[in-house]
Amino acid sequence: MVGPRLRRAGLGVLWYVVPAFAVLAVGAYVVGAVVWHANPPVVPVAGVSMRPTLEAGDLVFLKGVNPRSLRKGDIIAFHVPKTSQAQYSLPGELVHRIIKIKPSPAGLIFQTKGDANSGPDVFVIHSGDIVGREVGRAPGLGYPLLFFRSRQGEIFLGAAVLIAIVYFLIGMFEERRVYVEGTALGLQTVLAETSELKQALATIRGVSSAPWPGAAGSEMGHELVGLQDEVRQVRKRGEDTSETMRQLVGAIGEYGTHLRSHTAVMQNLAATTAELQRATAELGSTVAGPTLRPRATTSLELVDTVPLPLPGLPLTVPADLLEQRMLLEARAARVDELLARLESRGGRTGA
């Protein structure tokens, strides 16, 4: 596996150095072509035909000119005719010296020759084949261009591009793998922590139902079992107490409802009794005989006692009033029973 530092260095070269070099090369080419009016603005020397003026590997700088301004002895770069390239295995451009210029119906014709050659070139150059006139040279700087123009250079360039693409894809997949592994590790950690939390919660919640680990065969285990039983009992008493409290609240509510109804009936009965006593007094004052003195009766006495019948007017308590009174006494007894149960349980819990 490629190391992280080496991968970062390779990516740095791939993303910064190579694009910067390409931008500089393209920029220099464009500037030279615009300024010197030549395309291409530079041509490498491929052989030794121009010795001693030019050596193989020199980089010749060119300037575009009007073919009519060229003179005998000028060094020019020109495109080699296709037929001569195929027949003599010549490069696409050559840099030779003009030895003769002659006009023709098709335009000027230039005869060229290498300084180190014994005879002129086997082809002639027309005005349209001229790239430019030599205005400078840089020794040795033409080798990179010569290499990339060759078959070996094309293979190397293609392999380099392929390797760069593969390396980029490997780096991308490696980063993706690291991301996925980190995500999976984080998820595993979260799942493990969640499992531990679930176990801890199950242990806490199961103190009254789940058996304690190591409870058998140890003193601490027996103590934990005893504590577990006490917790169960306390929980059971609490549930019983809650149920009794709910029943007590319901009984008190029913007691209050019947008490309000009974009180209303007793109030109506007291009012009726007062009316009967006033009527009896008026009747007694009219009929001959001893005067009847009505006895004042309060509503409280009516609750606890049955009104006595007046002389000559027997008074009977209504049946529905007696039934409500009996039901009220039963509810009061139920409330007293629930209160007694709560008091007894409170005493046991305190003990």
Foldseek 3Di string as FASTA:
>chain_A
DDDPVVLVVLVCCLPPVVVVVVVVVVVVQVVQCVVQVFVRQKDAACDDLQPPVDHHQKIFGFHADQVVPDDFFFWFKFADDPVCCVVVVDDRIHIFGWHDWDADPVGIKTWTGHPNDPDTDPDIDHRVGTRGTTDDIGHNNRVVVVLCVDPNNVVVVVVVVVVSVVSVVVVVVVVVVVVVVVVVVVVVVVVVVVVVVVVVVCCVVCLQPDQDPPLPPDPVSVVSVVVSVVVVVVVVLVVVLVVLVVVLVVLVVVLVVLVVVLLVVLVVVLVVVVVVQVVVQVVQVVDDDDGDDDDDDDSVCVLVDPDQQDVPGHDDDDPVSVVSNVVSVVSVVVNVVSVVVSVVSVVVVVD
